[in-house]
Amino acid sequence: MNKYEVMFIINPTLEDEKKDATVETVKEIIAADGVVGEVDVWGMRKLAYPIQKLNDGYYVVINFEGNATLPKELDRRLRISDNVMRHIIVAKDERSEER
């Protein structure tokens, strides 16, 4: 299994329950084919540039392990989600973890 990290920005205008539900949905997608690691909720942060006419976003970072097809499925599901404004999935290698 490979190690990955996903960072996604949730629409800040959503209620807290919907933000939490979005995080849980992402964790469920990962758990279906992999292992959920550390979940780091950064909360509200200022965006570098406006997205959908919004200047703030609700940031979440999740470390996870999975096979090579899991990031593709996660990317597909995050793209069609109305709650997620932006996301990025990064493969982590062993060298970067040693630092």
N, C-alpha and C. Protein backbone atom coordinates (compact mmCIF):
# COMPACT_ATOMS: atom_id res chain seq x y z
N MET A 1 0.84 -1.18 0.00
CA MET A 1 0.00 0.00 0.00
C MET A 1 0.88 1.24 0.00
N ASN A 2 0.44 2.23 -0.74
CA ASN A 2 1.17 3.49 -0.85
C ASN A 2 0.61 4.52 0.13
N LYS A 3 1.46 5.47 0.49
CA LYS A 3 1.03 6.52 1.42
C LYS A 3 0.68 7.78 0.63
N TYR A 4 -0.43 8.41 1.02
CA TYR A 4 -0.91 9.61 0.35
C TYR A 4 -1.36 10.64 1.38
N GLU A 5 -1.55 11.85 0.87
CA GLU A 5 -2.10 12.93 1.68
C GLU A 5 -3.09 13.69 0.80
N VAL A 6 -4.26 13.95 1.32
CA VAL A 6 -5.25 14.76 0.60
C VAL A 6 -5.54 16.01 1.41
N MET A 7 -5.50 17.16 0.73
CA MET A 7 -5.91 18.42 1.35
C MET A 7 -7.11 18.90 0.55
N PHE A 8 -8.17 19.26 1.25
CA PHE A 8 -9.33 19.80 0.56
C PHE A 8 -9.89 20.99 1.31
N ILE A 9 -10.53 21.87 0.54
CA ILE A 9 -11.11 23.10 1.08
C ILE A 9 -12.62 23.00 0.94
N ILE A 10 -13.30 23.08 2.07
CA ILE A 10 -14.76 22.99 2.10
C ILE A 10 -15.33 24.40 2.07
N ASN A 11 -16.46 24.54 1.40
CA ASN A 11 -17.16 25.82 1.32
C ASN A 11 -17.44 26.33 2.73
N PRO A 12 -16.97 27.54 3.08
CA PRO A 12 -17.12 28.04 4.46
C PRO A 12 -18.55 28.46 4.82
N THR A 13 -19.43 28.59 3.83
CA THR A 13 -20.79 29.03 4.12
C THR A 13 -21.67 27.89 4.60
N LEU A 14 -21.17 26.65 4.57
CA LEU A 14 -21.94 25.50 5.04
C LEU A 14 -22.03 25.51 6.57
N GLU A 15 -23.09 24.88 7.09
CA GLU A 15 -23.22 24.72 8.54
C GLU A 15 -22.15 23.74 9.01
N ASP A 16 -21.83 23.80 10.31
CA ASP A 16 -20.80 22.93 10.88
C ASP A 16 -21.14 21.45 10.68
N GLU A 17 -22.42 21.09 10.76
CA GLU A 17 -22.81 19.70 10.59
C GLU A 17 -22.48 19.20 9.18
N LYS A 18 -22.69 20.05 8.18
CA LYS A 18 -22.39 19.66 6.80
C LYS A 18 -20.89 19.58 6.55
N LYS A 19 -20.13 20.47 7.21
CA LYS A 19 -18.67 20.39 7.10
C LYS A 19 -18.17 19.08 7.68
N ASP A 20 -18.67 18.74 8.89
CA ASP A 20 -18.28 17.48 9.53
C ASP A 20 -18.72 16.28 8.68
N ALA A 21 -19.90 16.36 8.09
CA ALA A 21 -20.40 15.27 7.26
C ALA A 21 -19.53 15.10 6.02
N THR A 22 -19.03 16.19 5.46
CA THR A 22 -18.15 16.12 4.30
C THR A 22 -16.84 15.44 4.66
N VAL A 23 -16.27 15.79 5.81
CA VAL A 23 -15.03 15.15 6.27
C VAL A 23 -15.27 13.66 6.48
N GLU A 24 -16.39 13.31 7.10
CA GLU A 24 -16.71 11.89 7.34
C GLU A 24 -16.90 11.14 6.02
N THR A 25 -17.49 11.79 5.03
CA THR A 25 -17.69 11.16 3.72
C THR A 25 -16.34 10.85 3.07
N VAL A 26 -15.41 11.79 3.14
CA VAL A 26 -14.08 11.56 2.58
C VAL A 26 -13.39 10.42 3.31
N LYS A 27 -13.51 10.39 4.64
CA LYS A 27 -12.91 9.29 5.41
C LYS A 27 -13.53 7.95 5.03
N GLU A 28 -14.84 7.91 4.76
CA GLU A 28 -15.50 6.67 4.36
C GLU A 28 -15.03 6.21 2.99
N ILE A 29 -14.83 7.14 2.05
CA ILE A 29 -14.33 6.79 0.72
C ILE A 29 -12.95 6.16 0.85
N ILE A 30 -12.09 6.75 1.68
CA ILE A 30 -10.74 6.21 1.88
C ILE A 30 -10.80 4.85 2.57
N ALA A 31 -11.64 4.72 3.60
CA ALA A 31 -11.71 3.48 4.38
C ALA A 31 -12.24 2.31 3.55
N ALA A 32 -12.99 2.59 2.49
CA ALA A 32 -13.53 1.51 1.65
C ALA A 32 -12.42 0.72 0.96
N ASP A 33 -11.32 1.39 0.57
CA ASP A 33 -10.23 0.72 -0.14
C ASP A 33 -8.86 0.92 0.50
N GLY A 34 -8.81 1.59 1.65
CA GLY A 34 -7.52 1.88 2.26
C GLY A 34 -7.63 2.06 3.76
N VAL A 35 -6.64 2.75 4.31
CA VAL A 35 -6.57 2.97 5.75
C VAL A 35 -6.46 4.48 6.00
N VAL A 36 -7.37 5.01 6.80
CA VAL A 36 -7.34 6.42 7.16
C VAL A 36 -6.29 6.62 8.24
N GLY A 37 -5.42 7.60 8.02
CA GLY A 37 -4.40 7.93 9.02
C GLY A 37 -4.83 9.15 9.81
N GLU A 38 -3.88 10.05 10.02
CA GLU A 38 -4.13 11.26 10.80
C GLU A 38 -5.06 12.22 10.05
N VAL A 39 -6.05 12.73 10.76
CA VAL A 39 -6.96 13.74 10.22
C VAL A 39 -6.66 15.06 10.91
N ASP A 40 -6.25 16.05 10.13
CA ASP A 40 -5.87 17.34 10.68
C ASP A 40 -6.82 18.41 10.14
N VAL A 41 -7.71 18.90 10.99
CA VAL A 41 -8.66 19.93 10.59
C VAL A 41 -8.04 21.29 10.91
N TRP A 42 -7.71 22.04 9.88
CA TRP A 42 -7.09 23.36 10.07
C TRP A 42 -8.14 24.41 10.37
N GLY A 43 -9.36 24.19 9.91
CA GLY A 43 -10.42 25.16 10.14
C GLY A 43 -10.40 26.27 9.11
N MET A 44 -10.97 27.41 9.50
CA MET A 44 -11.10 28.54 8.58
C MET A 44 -9.75 29.22 8.36
N ARG A 45 -9.42 29.41 7.09
CA ARG A 45 -8.19 30.10 6.69
C ARG A 45 -8.50 31.03 5.52
N LYS A 46 -7.70 32.05 5.37
CA LYS A 46 -7.81 32.97 4.26
C LYS A 46 -7.27 32.30 3.00
N LEU A 47 -7.99 32.42 1.89
CA LEU A 47 -7.54 31.86 0.62
C LEU A 47 -6.52 32.79 -0.03
N ALA A 48 -5.63 32.24 -0.83
CA ALA A 48 -4.64 33.05 -1.53
C ALA A 48 -5.31 33.92 -2.60
N TYR A 49 -6.40 33.42 -3.16
CA TYR A 49 -7.16 34.16 -4.16
C TYR A 49 -8.62 33.75 -4.03
N PRO A 50 -9.55 34.60 -4.44
CA PRO A 50 -10.97 34.26 -4.31
C PRO A 50 -11.34 33.03 -5.14
N ILE A 51 -12.14 32.15 -4.55
CA ILE A 51 -12.69 30.99 -5.24
C ILE A 51 -14.19 31.07 -5.08
N GLN A 52 -14.91 31.06 -6.19
CA GLN A 52 -16.37 31.16 -6.18
C GLN A 52 -16.82 32.40 -5.39
N LYS A 53 -16.07 33.49 -5.55
CA LYS A 53 -16.33 34.78 -4.89
C LYS A 53 -16.23 34.71 -3.37
N LEU A 54 -15.50 33.73 -2.85
CA LEU A 54 -15.28 33.59 -1.41
C LEU A 54 -13.81 33.83 -1.10
N ASN A 55 -13.53 34.46 0.03
CA ASN A 55 -12.15 34.76 0.42
C ASN A 55 -11.62 33.83 1.51
N ASP A 56 -12.49 33.03 2.12
CA ASP A 56 -12.09 32.10 3.17
C ASP A 56 -12.48 30.68 2.78
N GLY A 57 -11.84 29.71 3.42
CA GLY A 57 -12.17 28.31 3.20
C GLY A 57 -11.91 27.50 4.46
N TYR A 58 -12.56 26.34 4.55
CA TYR A 58 -12.41 25.44 5.69
C TYR A 58 -11.48 24.31 5.26
N TYR A 59 -10.25 24.32 5.77
CA TYR A 59 -9.20 23.40 5.32
C TYR A 59 -9.18 22.11 6.15
N VAL A 60 -8.96 20.99 5.45
CA VAL A 60 -8.81 19.69 6.11
C VAL A 60 -7.69 18.92 5.39
N VAL A 61 -6.81 18.27 6.16
CA VAL A 61 -5.74 17.44 5.62
C VAL A 61 -5.89 16.04 6.21
N ILE A 62 -5.86 15.01 5.34
CA ILE A 62 -5.98 13.62 5.80
C ILE A 62 -4.83 12.82 5.20
N ASN A 63 -4.07 12.13 6.05
CA ASN A 63 -3.07 11.18 5.61
C ASN A 63 -3.73 9.82 5.51
N PHE A 64 -3.39 9.07 4.45
CA PHE A 64 -4.00 7.75 4.29
C PHE A 64 -3.11 6.82 3.49
N GLU A 65 -3.41 5.55 3.57
CA GLU A 65 -2.71 4.52 2.79
C GLU A 65 -3.73 3.81 1.92
N GLY A 66 -3.29 3.44 0.72
CA GLY A 66 -4.20 2.73 -0.17
C GLY A 66 -3.48 2.25 -1.40
N ASN A 67 -4.22 1.50 -2.23
CA ASN A 67 -3.64 1.02 -3.48
C ASN A 67 -3.63 2.16 -4.49
N ALA A 68 -3.09 1.91 -5.68
CA ALA A 68 -2.90 2.95 -6.68
C ALA A 68 -4.20 3.48 -7.26
N THR A 69 -5.29 2.73 -7.15
CA THR A 69 -6.56 3.19 -7.73
C THR A 69 -7.35 4.08 -6.77
N LEU A 70 -7.03 4.05 -5.50
CA LEU A 70 -7.78 4.85 -4.51
C LEU A 70 -7.70 6.35 -4.76
N PRO A 71 -6.51 6.93 -5.04
CA PRO A 71 -6.48 8.38 -5.30
C PRO A 71 -7.31 8.79 -6.51
N LYS A 72 -7.37 7.95 -7.52
CA LYS A 72 -8.18 8.28 -8.71
C LYS A 72 -9.66 8.33 -8.36
N GLU A 73 -10.12 7.37 -7.57
CA GLU A 73 -11.53 7.34 -7.16
C GLU A 73 -11.84 8.51 -6.23
N LEU A 74 -10.93 8.80 -5.29
CA LEU A 74 -11.12 9.91 -4.37
C LEU A 74 -11.16 11.23 -5.14
N ASP A 75 -10.28 11.39 -6.11
CA ASP A 75 -10.26 12.59 -6.94
C ASP A 75 -11.58 12.74 -7.69
N ARG A 76 -12.09 11.67 -8.25
CA ARG A 76 -13.35 11.71 -8.98
C ARG A 76 -14.50 12.14 -8.08
N ARG A 77 -14.54 11.57 -6.89
CA ARG A 77 -15.64 11.87 -5.96
C ARG A 77 -15.55 13.30 -5.41
N LEU A 78 -14.34 13.79 -5.19
CA LEU A 78 -14.18 15.16 -4.68
C LEU A 78 -14.51 16.19 -5.76
N ARG A 79 -14.24 15.87 -7.02
CA ARG A 79 -14.55 16.79 -8.12
C ARG A 79 -16.05 17.02 -8.25
N ILE A 80 -16.86 15.99 -8.01
CA ILE A 80 -18.30 16.14 -8.20
C ILE A 80 -19.01 16.61 -6.93
N SER A 81 -18.29 16.74 -5.83
CA SER A 81 -18.89 17.20 -4.59
C SER A 81 -19.12 18.71 -4.64
N ASP A 82 -20.33 19.13 -4.31
CA ASP A 82 -20.64 20.56 -4.27
C ASP A 82 -20.04 21.24 -3.05
N ASN A 83 -19.75 20.48 -2.00
CA ASN A 83 -19.22 21.06 -0.76
C ASN A 83 -17.73 21.37 -0.82
N VAL A 84 -16.99 20.66 -1.69
CA VAL A 84 -15.53 20.82 -1.77
C VAL A 84 -15.19 21.81 -2.89
N MET A 85 -14.50 22.89 -2.50
CA MET A 85 -14.14 23.93 -3.46
C MET A 85 -12.87 23.57 -4.24
N ARG A 86 -11.87 23.04 -3.56
CA ARG A 86 -10.60 22.64 -4.17
C ARG A 86 -10.05 21.45 -3.39
N HIS A 87 -9.21 20.65 -4.08
CA HIS A 87 -8.54 19.55 -3.40
C HIS A 87 -7.25 19.21 -4.13
N ILE A 88 -6.35 18.56 -3.41
CA ILE A 88 -5.13 18.05 -4.01
C ILE A 88 -4.75 16.76 -3.28
N ILE A 89 -4.31 15.77 -4.06
CA ILE A 89 -3.87 14.49 -3.50
C ILE A 89 -2.40 14.32 -3.86
N VAL A 90 -1.58 14.06 -2.85
CA VAL A 90 -0.14 13.95 -3.04
C VAL A 90 0.33 12.59 -2.54
N ALA A 91 1.16 11.92 -3.35
CA ALA A 91 1.79 10.67 -2.92
C ALA A 91 2.99 11.02 -2.07
N LYS A 92 3.10 10.39 -0.90
CA LYS A 92 4.21 10.65 0.00
C LYS A 92 5.23 9.53 -0.15
N ASP A 93 6.49 9.90 -0.28
CA ASP A 93 7.53 8.89 -0.36
C ASP A 93 8.25 8.80 0.99
N GLU A 94 9.01 7.73 1.16
CA GLU A 94 9.67 7.47 2.45
C GLU A 94 10.70 8.53 2.78
N ARG A 95 11.36 9.08 1.75
CA ARG A 95 12.42 10.08 2.00
C ARG A 95 11.85 11.33 2.67
N SER A 96 10.66 11.76 2.26
CA SER A 96 10.10 12.99 2.83
C SER A 96 9.64 12.77 4.27
N GLU A 97 9.34 11.56 4.66
CA GLU A 97 8.89 11.28 6.02
C GLU A 97 10.04 11.21 7.01
N GLU A 98 11.26 10.98 6.52
CA GLU A 98 12.40 10.87 7.41
C GLU A 98 12.88 12.22 7.91
N ARG A 99 12.50 13.27 7.23
CA ARG A 99 12.98 14.62 7.59
C ARG A 99 12.28 15.16 8.77
